[in-house]
C-alpha atoms as a PDB file:
ATOM      1  CA  UNK A   1       8.230 -21.079 -31.586  1.00  0.00           C
ATOM      2  CA  UNK A   2       7.275 -24.275 -33.365  1.00  0.00           C
ATOM      3  CA  UNK A   3       4.079 -23.952 -35.422  1.00  0.00           C
ATOM      4  CA  UNK A   4       2.210 -27.079 -36.487  1.00  0.00           C
ATOM      5  CA  UNK A   5       0.292 -27.008 -39.761  1.00  0.00           C
ATOM      6  CA  UNK A   6      -2.184 -29.853 -40.339  1.00  0.00           C
ATOM      7  CA  UNK A   7      -3.552 -30.933 -43.708  1.00  0.00           C
ATOM      8  CA  UNK A   8      -6.277 -33.572 -43.899  1.00  0.00           C
ATOM      9  CA  UNK A   9      -7.381 -35.091 -47.176  1.00  0.00           C
ATOM     10  CA  UNK A  10      -9.227 -37.878 -48.915  1.00  0.00           C
ATOM     11  CA  UNK A  11      -9.000 -38.431 -52.681  1.00  0.00           C
ATOM     12  CA  UNK A  12      -7.693 -34.923 -53.421  1.00  0.00           C
ATOM     13  CA  UNK A  13      -5.246 -35.797 -56.205  1.00  0.00           C
ATOM     14  CA  UNK A  14      -6.024 -32.626 -58.171  1.00  0.00           C
ATOM     15  CA  UNK A  15      -5.167 -30.191 -55.372  1.00  0.00           C
ATOM     16  CA  UNK A  16      -3.066 -31.848 -52.663  1.00  0.00           C
ATOM     17  CA  UNK A  17       0.283 -31.015 -54.263  1.00  0.00           C
ATOM     18  CA  UNK A  18      -0.414 -27.270 -54.350  1.00  0.00           C
ATOM     19  CA  UNK A  19      -1.353 -27.378 -50.663  1.00  0.00           C
ATOM     20  CA  UNK A  20       1.838 -29.255 -49.772  1.00  0.00           C
ATOM     21  CA  UNK A  21       4.029 -26.883 -51.779  1.00  0.00           C
ATOM     22  CA  UNK A  22       2.349 -23.911 -50.153  1.00  0.00           C
ATOM     23  CA  UNK A  23       3.441 -25.175 -46.739  1.00  0.00           C
ATOM     24  CA  UNK A  24       6.932 -26.239 -47.802  1.00  0.00           C
ATOM     25  CA  UNK A  25       7.605 -22.872 -49.455  1.00  0.00           C
ATOM     26  CA  UNK A  26       7.054 -20.929 -46.231  1.00  0.00           C
ATOM     27  CA  UNK A  27      10.096 -18.961 -45.097  1.00  0.00           C
ATOM     28  CA  UNK A  28       9.501 -19.638 -41.398  1.00  0.00           C
ATOM     29  CA  UNK A  29      12.225 -21.776 -39.805  1.00  0.00           C
ATOM     30  CA  UNK A  30      10.275 -24.019 -37.403  1.00  0.00           C
ATOM     31  CA  UNK A  31       7.223 -25.644 -38.989  1.00  0.00           C
ATOM     32  CA  UNK A  32       5.940 -29.093 -38.092  1.00  0.00           C
ATOM     33  CA  UNK A  33       3.888 -30.317 -41.049  1.00  0.00           C
ATOM     34  CA  UNK A  34       1.373 -33.103 -40.447  1.00  0.00           C
ATOM     35  CA  UNK A  35      -0.703 -34.766 -43.175  1.00  0.00           C
ATOM     36  CA  UNK A  36      -3.589 -37.080 -42.297  1.00  0.00           C
ATOM     37  CA  UNK A  37      -4.995 -38.971 -45.274  1.00  0.00           C
ATOM     38  CA  UNK A  38      -8.194 -41.018 -45.095  1.00  0.00           C
ATOM     39  CA  UNK A  39      -6.692 -43.921 -47.081  1.00  0.00           C
ATOM     40  CA  UNK A  40      -7.139 -42.315 -50.510  1.00  0.00           C
ATOM     41  CA  UNK A  41      -7.394 -44.484 -53.592  1.00  0.00           C
ATOM     42  CA  UNK A  42      -7.063 -41.940 -56.428  1.00  0.00           C
ATOM     43  CA  UNK A  43      -3.311 -41.308 -56.396  1.00  0.00           C
ATOM     44  CA  UNK A  44      -3.308 -38.801 -53.542  1.00  0.00           C
ATOM     45  CA  UNK A  45      -1.134 -41.041 -51.366  1.00  0.00           C
ATOM     46  CA  UNK A  46       1.492 -41.370 -54.081  1.00  0.00           C
ATOM     47  CA  UNK A  47       1.767 -37.571 -54.369  1.00  0.00           C
ATOM     48  CA  UNK A  48       2.117 -37.199 -50.607  1.00  0.00           C
ATOM     49  CA  UNK A  49       4.731 -39.930 -50.447  1.00  0.00           C
ATOM     50  CA  UNK A  50       6.824 -38.117 -53.072  1.00  0.00           C
ATOM     51  CA  UNK A  51       7.286 -35.365 -50.446  1.00  0.00           C
ATOM     52  CA  UNK A  52       7.636 -37.755 -47.526  1.00  0.00           C
ATOM     53  CA  UNK A  53      11.129 -36.591 -46.508  1.00  0.00           C
ATOM     54  CA  UNK A  54       9.826 -33.030 -46.045  1.00  0.00           C
ATOM     55  CA  UNK A  55       6.708 -33.956 -44.054  1.00  0.00           C
ATOM     56  CA  UNK A  56       7.074 -34.238 -40.272  1.00  0.00           C
ATOM     57  CA  UNK A  57       4.240 -36.726 -39.687  1.00  0.00           C
ATOM     58  CA  UNK A  58       2.228 -38.643 -42.284  1.00  0.00           C
ATOM     59  CA  UNK A  59      -0.631 -40.992 -41.475  1.00  0.00           C
ATOM     60  CA  UNK A  60      -2.916 -42.715 -43.968  1.00  0.00           C
ATOM     61  CA  UNK A  61      -5.792 -44.798 -42.643  1.00  0.00           C
ATOM     62  CA  UNK A  62      -9.620 -44.828 -42.729  1.00  0.00           C
ATOM     63  CA  UNK A  63     -11.305 -42.209 -40.559  1.00  0.00           C
ATOM     64  CA  UNK A  64     -14.762 -40.978 -39.604  1.00  0.00           C
ATOM     65  CA  UNK A  65     -14.577 -37.860 -41.728  1.00  0.00           C
ATOM     66  CA  UNK A  66     -12.655 -34.583 -41.943  1.00  0.00           C
ATOM     67  CA  UNK A  67     -13.020 -33.571 -38.305  1.00  0.00           C
ATOM     68  CA  UNK A  68     -11.936 -36.968 -37.032  1.00  0.00           C
ATOM     69  CA  UNK A  69      -8.841 -36.608 -39.223  1.00  0.00           C
ATOM     70  CA  UNK A  70      -8.156 -33.118 -37.856  1.00  0.00           C
ATOM     71  CA  UNK A  71      -8.435 -34.473 -34.305  1.00  0.00           C
ATOM     72  CA  UNK A  72      -5.868 -37.151 -35.158  1.00  0.00           C
ATOM     73  CA  UNK A  73      -3.519 -34.462 -36.410  1.00  0.00           C
ATOM     74  CA  UNK A  74      -3.956 -32.358 -33.277  1.00  0.00           C
ATOM     75  CA  UNK A  75      -3.229 -35.369 -31.082  1.00  0.00           C
ATOM     76  CA  UNK A  76       0.019 -35.946 -33.002  1.00  0.00           C
ATOM     77  CA  UNK A  77       1.084 -32.283 -32.958  1.00  0.00           C
ATOM     78  CA  UNK A  78       4.055 -31.084 -30.912  1.00  0.00           C
ATOM     79  CA  UNK A  79       4.019 -27.413 -31.917  1.00  0.00           C
ATOM     80  CA  UNK A  80       3.239 -24.599 -29.513  1.00  0.00           C
ATOM     81  CA  UNK A  81       0.714 -23.246 -32.020  1.00  0.00           C
ATOM     82  CA  UNK A  82      -1.606 -25.234 -34.317  1.00  0.00           C
ATOM     83  CA  UNK A  83      -3.379 -24.278 -37.537  1.00  0.00           C
ATOM     84  CA  UNK A  84      -4.881 -25.901 -40.622  1.00  0.00           C
ATOM     85  CA  UNK A  85      -4.134 -25.950 -44.330  1.00  0.00           C
ATOM     86  CA  UNK A  86      -7.024 -27.583 -46.198  1.00  0.00           C
ATOM     87  CA  UNK A  87      -6.116 -29.753 -49.156  1.00  0.00           C
ATOM     88  CA  UNK A  88      -7.891 -27.444 -51.647  1.00  0.00           C
ATOM     89  CA  UNK A  89      -6.264 -24.246 -50.388  1.00  0.00           C
ATOM     90  CA  UNK A  90      -2.891 -22.555 -50.098  1.00  0.00           C
ATOM     91  CA  UNK A  91      -1.220 -19.863 -48.041  1.00  0.00           C
ATOM     92  CA  UNK A  92      -1.571 -16.325 -49.322  1.00  0.00           C
ATOM     93  CA  UNK A  93       2.198 -15.990 -49.693  1.00  0.00           C
ATOM     94  CA  UNK A  94       5.473 -17.526 -48.516  1.00  0.00           C
ATOM     95  CA  UNK A  95       5.694 -15.224 -45.477  1.00  0.00           C
ATOM     96  CA  UNK A  96       2.340 -16.186 -43.965  1.00  0.00           C
ATOM     97  CA  UNK A  97       3.603 -18.391 -41.133  1.00  0.00           C
ATOM     98  CA  UNK A  98       6.256 -15.810 -40.286  1.00  0.00           C
ATOM     99  CA  UNK A  99       3.482 -13.219 -39.947  1.00  0.00           C
ATOM    100  CA  UNK A 100       1.506 -15.577 -37.697  1.00  0.00           C
ATOM    101  CA  UNK A 101       4.547 -16.127 -35.498  1.00  0.00           C
ATOM    102  CA  UNK A 102       5.100 -12.351 -35.363  1.00  0.00           C
ATOM    103  CA  UNK A 103       1.482 -11.956 -34.275  1.00  0.00           C
ATOM    104  CA  UNK A 104       2.021 -14.247 -31.300  1.00  0.00           C
ATOM    105  CA  UNK A 105       5.244 -12.409 -30.455  1.00  0.00           C
ATOM    106  CA  UNK A 106       3.378  -9.109 -30.528  1.00  0.00           C
ATOM    107  CA  UNK A 107       0.398 -10.346 -28.497  1.00  0.00           C
ATOM    108  CA  UNK A 108       2.124 -12.399 -25.806  1.00  0.00           C
ATOM    109  CA  UNK A 109      -1.054 -13.073 -23.831  1.00  0.00           C
ATOM    110  CA  UNK A 110      -3.125 -14.168 -26.842  1.00  0.00           C
ATOM    111  CA  UNK A 111      -4.592 -17.674 -26.822  1.00  0.00           C
ATOM    112  CA  UNK A 112      -5.067 -17.470 -30.571  1.00  0.00           C
ATOM    113  CA  UNK A 113      -4.917 -15.190 -33.576  1.00  0.00           C
ATOM    114  CA  UNK A 114      -6.775 -14.930 -36.864  1.00  0.00           C
ATOM    115  CA  UNK A 115      -6.530 -12.877 -40.033  1.00  0.00           C
ATOM    116  CA  UNK A 116      -8.027 -12.355 -43.477  1.00  0.00           C
ATOM    117  CA  UNK A 117      -8.674 -14.722 -46.361  1.00  0.00           C
ATOM    118  CA  UNK A 118      -9.905 -14.732 -49.925  1.00  0.00           C
ATOM    119  CA  UNK A 119     -11.949 -17.129 -52.033  1.00  0.00           C
ATOM    120  CA  UNK A 120     -10.891 -17.432 -55.679  1.00  0.00           C
ATOM    121  CA  UNK A 121     -12.350 -19.186 -58.709  1.00  0.00           C
ATOM    122  CA  UNK A 122     -11.298 -22.784 -59.267  1.00  0.00           C
ATOM    123  CA  UNK A 123      -9.457 -22.100 -62.527  1.00  0.00           C
ATOM    124  CA  UNK A 124      -6.162 -20.697 -63.773  1.00  0.00           C
ATOM    125  CA  UNK A 125      -7.467 -17.115 -63.645  1.00  0.00           C
ATOM    126  CA  UNK A 126      -8.111 -17.279 -59.885  1.00  0.00           C
ATOM    127  CA  UNK A 127     -10.691 -14.497 -59.987  1.00  0.00           C
ATOM    128  CA  UNK A 128     -11.530 -12.969 -56.604  1.00  0.00           C
ATOM    129  CA  UNK A 129     -14.932 -14.314 -55.525  1.00  0.00           C
ATOM    130  CA  UNK A 130     -15.136 -13.330 -51.879  1.00  0.00           C
ATOM    131  CA  UNK A 131     -13.055 -11.163 -49.579  1.00  0.00           C
ATOM    132  CA  UNK A 132     -13.038 -12.136 -45.911  1.00  0.00           C
ATOM    133  CA  UNK A 133     -11.660  -9.342 -43.756  1.00  0.00           C
ATOM    134  CA  UNK A 134     -11.459 -10.606 -40.193  1.00  0.00           C
ATOM    135  CA  UNK A 135     -11.768  -7.341 -38.324  1.00  0.00           C
ATOM    136  CA  UNK A 136     -11.412  -6.723 -34.602  1.00  0.00           C
ATOM    137  CA  UNK A 137     -12.870  -9.450 -32.392  1.00  0.00           C
ATOM    138  CA  UNK A 138     -15.910  -8.922 -30.170  1.00  0.00           C
ATOM    139  CA  UNK A 139     -18.574 -11.126 -28.601  1.00  0.00           C
ATOM    140  CA  UNK A 140     -21.262  -8.821 -29.972  1.00  0.00           C
ATOM    141  CA  UNK A 141     -20.137  -9.629 -33.509  1.00  0.00           C
ATOM    142  CA  UNK A 142     -20.500 -13.364 -32.815  1.00  0.00           C
ATOM    143  CA  UNK A 143     -24.083 -12.822 -31.663  1.00  0.00           C
ATOM    144  CA  UNK A 144     -24.714 -11.102 -34.988  1.00  0.00           C
ATOM    145  CA  UNK A 145     -23.451 -13.971 -37.144  1.00  0.00           C
ATOM    146  CA  UNK A 146     -19.744 -13.230 -37.425  1.00  0.00           C
ATOM    147  CA  UNK A 147     -16.960 -15.764 -36.963  1.00  0.00           C
ATOM    148  CA  UNK A 148     -13.334 -15.600 -38.091  1.00  0.00           C
ATOM    149  CA  UNK A 149     -12.528 -17.564 -41.230  1.00  0.00           C
ATOM    150  CA  UNK A 150     -11.650 -20.995 -39.880  1.00  0.00           C
ATOM    151  CA  UNK A 151      -8.410 -21.632 -41.851  1.00  0.00           C
ATOM    152  CA  UNK A 152      -6.997 -18.289 -40.656  1.00  0.00           C
ATOM    153  CA  UNK A 153      -7.319 -19.300 -36.996  1.00  0.00           C
ATOM    154  CA  UNK A 154      -4.165 -20.398 -35.140  1.00  0.00           C
ATOM    155  CA  UNK A 155      -4.425 -21.497 -31.514  1.00  0.00           C
ATOM    156  CA  UNK A 156      -1.951 -22.348 -28.794  1.00  0.00           C
ATOM    157  CA  UNK A 157      -1.831 -26.075 -28.151  1.00  0.00           C
ATOM    158  CA  UNK A 158      -2.253 -25.541 -24.405  1.00  0.00           C
ATOM    159  CA  UNK A 159      -5.619 -23.912 -25.118  1.00  0.00           C
ATOM    160  CA  UNK A 160      -6.749 -26.796 -27.345  1.00  0.00           C
ATOM    161  CA  UNK A 161      -5.665 -29.276 -24.658  1.00  0.00           C
ATOM    162  CA  UNK A 162      -7.845 -27.364 -22.189  1.00  0.00           C
ATOM    163  CA  UNK A 163     -11.009 -26.895 -24.243  1.00  0.00           C
ATOM    164  CA  UNK A 164     -11.084 -29.937 -26.442  1.00  0.00           C
ATOM    165  CA  UNK A 165     -11.111 -31.226 -29.998  1.00  0.00           C
ATOM    166  CA  UNK A 166     -13.678 -30.988 -32.794  1.00  0.00           C
ATOM    167  CA  UNK A 167     -17.095 -32.379 -31.866  1.00  0.00           C
ATOM    168  CA  UNK A 168     -17.803 -35.375 -34.107  1.00  0.00           C
ATOM    169  CA  UNK A 169     -21.542 -35.116 -33.430  1.00  0.00           C
ATOM    170  CA  UNK A 170     -21.504 -32.384 -36.075  1.00  0.00           C
ATOM    171  CA  UNK A 171     -20.453 -33.880 -39.394  1.00  0.00           C
ATOM    172  CA  UNK A 172     -20.321 -30.849 -41.715  1.00  0.00           C
ATOM    173  CA  UNK A 173     -19.953 -27.658 -39.657  1.00  0.00           C
ATOM    174  CA  UNK A 174     -18.031 -28.799 -36.604  1.00  0.00           C
ATOM    175  CA  UNK A 175     -15.628 -25.910 -37.216  1.00  0.00           C
ATOM    176  CA  UNK A 176     -18.504 -23.541 -36.350  1.00  0.00           C
ATOM    177  CA  UNK A 177     -19.115 -25.377 -33.072  1.00  0.00           C
ATOM    178  CA  UNK A 178     -15.360 -25.411 -32.357  1.00  0.00           C
ATOM    179  CA  UNK A 179     -15.054 -21.651 -32.834  1.00  0.00           C
ATOM    180  CA  UNK A 180     -18.202 -20.869 -30.850  1.00  0.00           C
ATOM    181  CA  UNK A 181     -17.007 -23.062 -27.987  1.00  0.00           C
ATOM    182  CA  UNK A 182     -13.640 -21.337 -27.816  1.00  0.00           C
ATOM    183  CA  UNK A 183     -14.656 -17.759 -28.592  1.00  0.00           C
ATOM    184  CA  UNK A 184     -18.192 -17.502 -27.179  1.00  0.00           C
ATOM    185  CA  UNK A 185     -18.442 -20.119 -24.439  1.00  0.00           C
ATOM    186  CA  UNK A 186     -14.915 -19.982 -23.013  1.00  0.00           C
ATOM    187  CA  UNK A 187     -14.076 -16.460 -24.202  1.00  0.00           C
ATOM    188  CA  UNK A 188     -10.445 -17.129 -25.001  1.00  0.00           C
ATOM    189  CA  UNK A 189      -8.158 -14.175 -25.651  1.00  0.00           C
ATOM    190  CA  UNK A 190      -8.357 -13.880 -29.450  1.00  0.00           C
ATOM    191  CA  UNK A 191      -6.401 -11.269 -31.413  1.00  0.00           C
ATOM    192  CA  UNK A 192      -6.763 -10.077 -34.995  1.00  0.00           C
ATOM    193  CA  UNK A 193      -3.774  -9.605 -37.307  1.00  0.00           C
ATOM    194  CA  UNK A 194      -4.510  -7.568 -40.415  1.00  0.00           C
ATOM    195  CA  UNK A 195      -2.785  -9.904 -42.868  1.00  0.00           C
ATOM    196  CA  UNK A 196      -4.102 -12.243 -45.523  1.00  0.00           C
ATOM    197  CA  UNK A 197      -3.529 -15.816 -44.385  1.00  0.00           C
ATOM    198  CA  UNK A 198      -5.201 -18.156 -46.859  1.00  0.00           C
ATOM    199  CA  UNK A 199      -6.399 -18.397 -50.447  1.00  0.00           C
ATOM    200  CA  UNK A 200      -9.346 -20.789 -50.775  1.00  0.00           C
ATOM    201  CA  UNK A 201     -10.641 -22.230 -54.028  1.00  0.00           C
ATOM    202  CA  UNK A 202     -14.366 -22.414 -54.648  1.00  0.00           C
ATOM    203  CA  UNK A 203     -15.710 -25.942 -54.911  1.00  0.00           C
ATOM    204  CA  UNK A 204     -13.376 -27.376 -52.301  1.00  0.00           C
ATOM    205  CA  UNK A 205     -14.158 -29.155 -49.050  1.00  0.00           C
ATOM    206  CA  UNK A 206     -15.486 -26.040 -47.341  1.00  0.00           C
ATOM    207  CA  UNK A 207     -17.085 -24.217 -50.314  1.00  0.00           C
ATOM    208  CA  UNK A 208     -18.982 -26.972 -52.140  1.00  0.00           C
ATOM    209  CA  UNK A 209     -22.433 -25.631 -53.093  1.00  0.00           C
ATOM    210  CA  UNK A 210     -23.996 -29.104 -52.893  1.00  0.00           C
ATOM    211  CA  UNK A 211     -23.476 -29.073 -49.132  1.00  0.00           C
ATOM    212  CA  UNK A 212     -24.770 -25.539 -48.558  1.00  0.00           C
ATOM    213  CA  UNK A 213     -28.197 -26.510 -47.211  1.00  0.00           C
ATOM    214  CA  UNK A 214     -26.730 -29.236 -45.011  1.00  0.00           C
ATOM    215  CA  UNK A 215     -24.313 -26.707 -43.544  1.00  0.00           C
ATOM    216  CA  UNK A 216     -27.161 -24.245 -43.023  1.00  0.00           C
ATOM    217  CA  UNK A 217     -29.162 -26.760 -41.001  1.00  0.00           C
ATOM    218  CA  UNK A 218     -26.172 -27.893 -38.961  1.00  0.00           C
ATOM    219  CA  UNK A 219     -25.224 -24.264 -38.261  1.00  0.00           C
ATOM    220  CA  UNK A 220     -28.761 -23.760 -36.924  1.00  0.00           C
ATOM    221  CA  UNK A 221     -28.360 -26.724 -34.566  1.00  0.00           C
ATOM    222  CA  UNK A 222     -24.947 -25.507 -33.425  1.00  0.00           C
ATOM    223  CA  UNK A 223     -26.072 -21.958 -32.618  1.00  0.00           C
ATOM    224  CA  UNK A 224     -29.063 -23.350 -30.755  1.00  0.00           C
ATOM    225  CA  UNK A 225     -26.753 -25.761 -28.911  1.00  0.00           C
ATOM    226  CA  UNK A 226     -24.742 -22.781 -27.662  1.00  0.00           C
ATOM    227  CA  UNK A 227     -27.814 -20.870 -26.507  1.00  0.00           C
ATOM    228  CA  UNK A 228     -27.866 -18.232 -29.230  1.00  0.00           C
ATOM    229  CA  UNK A 229     -30.906 -17.076 -31.197  1.00  0.00           C
ATOM    230  CA  UNK A 230     -30.283 -19.715 -33.840  1.00  0.00           C
ATOM    231  CA  UNK A 231     -32.544 -18.667 -36.712  1.00  0.00           C
ATOM    232  CA  UNK A 232     -31.643 -14.993 -36.444  1.00  0.00           C
ATOM    233  CA  UNK A 233     -27.903 -15.632 -36.058  1.00  0.00           C
ATOM    234  CA  UNK A 234     -27.719 -18.017 -39.023  1.00  0.00           C
ATOM    235  CA  UNK A 235     -29.670 -15.532 -41.139  1.00  0.00           C
ATOM    236  CA  UNK A 236     -27.232 -12.759 -40.222  1.00  0.00           C
ATOM    237  CA  UNK A 237     -24.283 -15.061 -40.914  1.00  0.00           C
ATOM    238  CA  UNK A 238     -25.560 -15.795 -44.421  1.00  0.00           C
ATOM    239  CA  UNK A 239     -26.289 -12.104 -45.002  1.00  0.00           C
ATOM    240  CA  UNK A 240     -22.658 -11.304 -44.216  1.00  0.00           C
ATOM    241  CA  UNK A 241     -21.540 -13.984 -46.678  1.00  0.00           C
ATOM    242  CA  UNK A 242     -23.846 -12.641 -49.399  1.00  0.00           C
ATOM    243  CA  UNK A 243     -22.471  -9.124 -48.979  1.00  0.00           C
ATOM    244  CA  UNK A 244     -18.944 -10.505 -49.328  1.00  0.00           C
ATOM    245  CA  UNK A 245     -19.859 -12.386 -52.511  1.00  0.00           C
ATOM    246  CA  UNK A 246     -21.352  -9.188 -53.931  1.00  0.00           C
ATOM    247  CA  UNK A 247     -17.973  -7.563 -53.760  1.00  0.00           C
ATOM    248  CA  UNK A 248     -17.538  -6.018 -50.330  1.00  0.00           C
ATOM    249  CA  UNK A 249     -17.434  -7.008 -46.714  1.00  0.00           C
ATOM    250  CA  UNK A 250     -19.471  -6.101 -43.672  1.00  0.00           C
ATOM    251  CA  UNK A 251     -17.646  -4.136 -41.001  1.00  0.00           C
ATOM    252  CA  UNK A 252     -19.492  -4.957 -37.775  1.00  0.00           C
ATOM    253  CA  UNK A 253     -18.276  -2.890 -34.847  1.00  0.00           C
END
């Protein structure tokens, strides 16, 4: 089974190399690695090019933002399964992709799988900030504010071809709309694997505090767009996040 991993970036000189190494150090035998750069000008391109012979597909050109770049990567992908590695993050360990592949082997009928992730401090100490335990999937959990951690989600390409790319009408939280469309609207067969998939650093693309209120508002629009009780669901979603930051995680059954 070929698994495609997509990294998108723009001016991420400080972190792109760790993301690349994290992918290249995986022990799985059949990884297609795609990097889509938004025409960086800070030295990011030079770092990527130093690994060019180990990268399956590399494209650097202006784009319309992160989700447009992800869509480009998906359109270029040839793997049976597709997942993301953000430029600020890294895999939990070198066996992560092997565990993902084993998950698909175990759950033959699954359209996608997801797992656990952690947020760590953006320093050399890498203190645990937030623990995201995925837990067993259910539609009831989605109605109560739960979604799997986006970078732990791996989907079959045939399913993405059927249900579409990231919606560029949503500039900041299109991953929320993407997951709701697949899990809530189309009810794909999603399976949970109890393994840590990703280690995310605070202050990166998806954890920047300056964008928190913008994400909150866009989440509201997205939940409303999908016919859910938007205010209540967003409130519950943020309550779950707060509990995780305080040192635990909510187990919603």
